[in-house]
Amino acid sequence: MAVRAREVTAAAIVAGLERGVLWSIEDARASPGVPTEPGFYAWWMTSGAIPGIPAPRHPSQPFELLYVGIAPQ
């Protein structure tokens, strides 16, 4: 019998990434570097960190989206 994975909408993923905890560089360096849970992860950068490259803005912080990744396990 096949088990169907829970369906997740793109809007739900974006909302989760926008409301997640933002870690400082020091906190990120102190972590093991590998996500402890499966899911989507976003890296945010200081606005204008890469001049001339447009990026989506964070809804409540002065950051722009740099990368979205998936941790399968």
N, C-alpha and C. Protein backbone atom coordinates (compact mmCIF):
# COMPACT_ATOMS: atom_id res chain seq x y z
N MET A 1 0.84 -1.17 0.00
CA MET A 1 0.00 0.00 0.00
C MET A 1 0.89 1.24 0.00
N ALA A 2 0.64 2.16 -0.88
CA ALA A 2 1.41 3.39 -0.96
C ALA A 2 0.90 4.39 0.07
N VAL A 3 1.83 5.09 0.68
CA VAL A 3 1.48 6.14 1.63
C VAL A 3 1.70 7.47 0.94
N ARG A 4 0.68 8.28 0.91
CA ARG A 4 0.77 9.58 0.25
C ARG A 4 1.29 10.62 1.23
N ALA A 5 2.31 11.34 0.79
CA ALA A 5 2.87 12.40 1.63
C ALA A 5 1.84 13.52 1.80
N ARG A 6 1.95 14.21 2.90
CA ARG A 6 1.07 15.34 3.16
C ARG A 6 1.30 16.41 2.10
N GLU A 7 0.24 16.91 1.52
CA GLU A 7 0.35 17.94 0.50
C GLU A 7 0.56 19.30 1.16
N VAL A 8 1.52 20.06 0.65
CA VAL A 8 1.84 21.37 1.18
C VAL A 8 1.81 22.36 0.02
N THR A 9 1.17 23.48 0.24
CA THR A 9 1.09 24.48 -0.82
C THR A 9 2.33 25.38 -0.80
N ALA A 10 2.61 26.00 -1.93
CA ALA A 10 3.73 26.95 -2.00
C ALA A 10 3.50 28.10 -1.03
N ALA A 11 2.27 28.56 -0.90
CA ALA A 11 1.97 29.67 0.01
C ALA A 11 2.29 29.29 1.46
N ALA A 12 2.03 28.05 1.84
CA ALA A 12 2.33 27.59 3.20
C ALA A 12 3.83 27.54 3.44
N ILE A 13 4.58 27.13 2.43
CA ILE A 13 6.04 27.08 2.55
C ILE A 13 6.61 28.49 2.72
N VAL A 14 6.16 29.40 1.87
CA VAL A 14 6.64 30.79 1.95
C VAL A 14 6.30 31.39 3.31
N ALA A 15 5.08 31.18 3.78
CA ALA A 15 4.68 31.73 5.08
C ALA A 15 5.55 31.17 6.20
N GLY A 16 5.87 29.89 6.14
CA GLY A 16 6.73 29.28 7.15
C GLY A 16 8.14 29.85 7.14
N LEU A 17 8.67 30.07 5.94
CA LEU A 17 10.02 30.62 5.83
C LEU A 17 10.07 32.07 6.31
N GLU A 18 9.00 32.81 6.10
CA GLU A 18 8.98 34.22 6.50
C GLU A 18 8.81 34.41 7.99
N ARG A 19 8.22 33.45 8.67
CA ARG A 19 7.98 33.64 10.11
C ARG A 19 8.96 32.84 10.97
N GLY A 20 9.89 32.15 10.34
CA GLY A 20 10.87 31.37 11.09
C GLY A 20 11.83 32.25 11.87
N VAL A 21 12.52 31.64 12.79
CA VAL A 21 13.50 32.33 13.61
C VAL A 21 14.69 32.71 12.75
N LEU A 22 15.14 33.95 12.85
CA LEU A 22 16.33 34.39 12.14
C LEU A 22 17.52 34.28 13.08
N TRP A 23 18.51 33.46 12.71
CA TRP A 23 19.70 33.27 13.53
C TRP A 23 20.76 34.29 13.15
N SER A 24 21.55 34.69 14.12
CA SER A 24 22.70 35.54 13.83
C SER A 24 23.79 34.67 13.21
N ILE A 25 24.81 35.30 12.64
CA ILE A 25 25.92 34.54 12.07
C ILE A 25 26.60 33.73 13.17
N GLU A 26 26.75 34.31 14.35
CA GLU A 26 27.39 33.61 15.46
C GLU A 26 26.60 32.37 15.86
N ASP A 27 25.27 32.49 15.93
CA ASP A 27 24.42 31.34 16.27
C ASP A 27 24.53 30.25 15.21
N ALA A 28 24.53 30.65 13.95
CA ALA A 28 24.61 29.67 12.86
C ALA A 28 25.95 28.95 12.90
N ARG A 29 27.02 29.67 13.19
CA ARG A 29 28.34 29.04 13.28
C ARG A 29 28.44 28.07 14.45
N ALA A 30 27.72 28.35 15.53
CA ALA A 30 27.76 27.49 16.71
C ALA A 30 26.91 26.23 16.54
N SER A 31 26.01 26.22 15.56
CA SER A 31 25.15 25.05 15.35
C SER A 31 25.94 23.97 14.62
N PRO A 32 25.42 22.74 14.60
CA PRO A 32 26.14 21.66 13.92
C PRO A 32 26.19 21.85 12.40
N GLY A 33 25.43 22.79 11.85
CA GLY A 33 25.49 23.06 10.42
C GLY A 33 24.54 22.24 9.58
N VAL A 34 23.94 21.23 10.17
CA VAL A 34 23.01 20.37 9.45
C VAL A 34 21.66 20.48 10.13
N PRO A 35 20.60 20.73 9.37
CA PRO A 35 19.28 20.81 10.00
C PRO A 35 18.95 19.53 10.77
N THR A 36 18.30 19.69 11.91
CA THR A 36 17.94 18.54 12.74
C THR A 36 16.58 17.95 12.36
N GLU A 37 15.83 18.66 11.52
CA GLU A 37 14.52 18.18 11.10
C GLU A 37 14.37 18.38 9.59
N PRO A 38 13.58 17.51 8.93
CA PRO A 38 13.34 17.73 7.50
C PRO A 38 12.50 18.97 7.28
N GLY A 39 12.67 19.60 6.14
CA GLY A 39 11.86 20.76 5.82
C GLY A 39 12.56 21.72 4.89
N PHE A 40 11.97 22.87 4.72
CA PHE A 40 12.53 23.93 3.89
C PHE A 40 13.27 24.92 4.78
N TYR A 41 14.37 25.44 4.27
CA TYR A 41 15.18 26.39 5.02
C TYR A 41 15.53 27.57 4.13
N ALA A 42 15.59 28.75 4.70
CA ALA A 42 15.92 29.96 3.94
C ALA A 42 17.15 30.62 4.56
N TRP A 43 18.00 31.15 3.69
CA TRP A 43 19.13 31.96 4.11
C TRP A 43 18.81 33.38 3.69
N TRP A 44 18.92 34.30 4.64
CA TRP A 44 18.64 35.71 4.38
C TRP A 44 19.93 36.49 4.48
N MET A 45 20.05 37.56 3.71
CA MET A 45 21.25 38.40 3.74
C MET A 45 20.85 39.84 3.99
N THR A 46 21.81 40.64 4.43
CA THR A 46 21.59 42.06 4.61
C THR A 46 21.17 42.67 3.28
N SER A 47 20.18 43.52 3.31
CA SER A 47 19.71 44.17 2.08
C SER A 47 20.86 44.85 1.37
N GLY A 48 20.98 44.59 0.06
CA GLY A 48 22.02 45.20 -0.75
C GLY A 48 23.37 44.54 -0.63
N ALA A 49 23.46 43.38 0.01
CA ALA A 49 24.74 42.70 0.19
C ALA A 49 25.36 42.29 -1.14
N ILE A 50 24.54 42.00 -2.13
CA ILE A 50 25.03 41.68 -3.47
C ILE A 50 24.49 42.77 -4.40
N PRO A 51 25.27 43.82 -4.62
CA PRO A 51 24.80 44.96 -5.41
C PRO A 51 24.34 44.54 -6.82
N GLY A 52 23.22 45.12 -7.25
CA GLY A 52 22.71 44.89 -8.59
C GLY A 52 21.91 43.61 -8.76
N ILE A 53 21.81 42.80 -7.71
CA ILE A 53 21.04 41.55 -7.78
C ILE A 53 19.76 41.73 -6.98
N PRO A 54 18.61 41.76 -7.65
CA PRO A 54 17.35 41.92 -6.91
C PRO A 54 17.00 40.63 -6.15
N ALA A 55 16.40 40.80 -5.00
CA ALA A 55 16.00 39.65 -4.19
C ALA A 55 14.74 40.00 -3.41
N PRO A 56 13.89 39.00 -3.14
CA PRO A 56 12.69 39.26 -2.33
C PRO A 56 13.07 39.73 -0.93
N ARG A 57 12.34 40.71 -0.44
CA ARG A 57 12.59 41.25 0.90
C ARG A 57 11.86 40.43 1.95
N HIS A 58 12.46 40.34 3.12
CA HIS A 58 11.82 39.71 4.27
C HIS A 58 10.66 40.61 4.67
N PRO A 59 9.51 40.06 5.09
CA PRO A 59 8.35 40.91 5.39
C PRO A 59 8.49 41.79 6.63
N SER A 60 9.37 41.43 7.56
CA SER A 60 9.43 42.23 8.79
C SER A 60 10.85 42.58 9.23
N GLN A 61 11.86 42.13 8.52
CA GLN A 61 13.25 42.39 8.89
C GLN A 61 13.98 43.04 7.71
N PRO A 62 15.10 43.70 7.96
CA PRO A 62 15.83 44.37 6.87
C PRO A 62 16.75 43.42 6.10
N PHE A 63 16.19 42.33 5.60
CA PHE A 63 16.97 41.32 4.89
C PHE A 63 16.33 40.99 3.55
N GLU A 64 17.14 40.36 2.69
CA GLU A 64 16.67 39.87 1.39
C GLU A 64 16.97 38.37 1.31
N LEU A 65 16.16 37.66 0.53
CA LEU A 65 16.32 36.22 0.39
C LEU A 65 17.55 35.90 -0.45
N LEU A 66 18.40 35.02 0.07
CA LEU A 66 19.59 34.59 -0.65
C LEU A 66 19.41 33.18 -1.21
N TYR A 67 18.81 32.27 -0.41
CA TYR A 67 18.79 30.87 -0.80
C TYR A 67 17.64 30.16 -0.08
N VAL A 68 17.01 29.23 -0.75
CA VAL A 68 16.03 28.34 -0.13
C VAL A 68 16.51 26.92 -0.40
N GLY A 69 16.57 26.13 0.65
CA GLY A 69 17.03 24.75 0.52
C GLY A 69 16.04 23.78 1.14
N ILE A 70 16.25 22.51 0.84
CA ILE A 70 15.40 21.44 1.37
C ILE A 70 16.28 20.47 2.14
N ALA A 71 15.89 20.18 3.35
CA ALA A 71 16.56 19.15 4.16
C ALA A 71 15.65 17.92 4.15
N PRO A 72 16.01 16.89 3.38
CA PRO A 72 15.11 15.74 3.26
C PRO A 72 15.02 14.88 4.51
N GLN A 73 15.99 14.94 5.38
CA GLN A 73 15.96 14.09 6.58
C GLN A 73 16.30 14.89 7.81
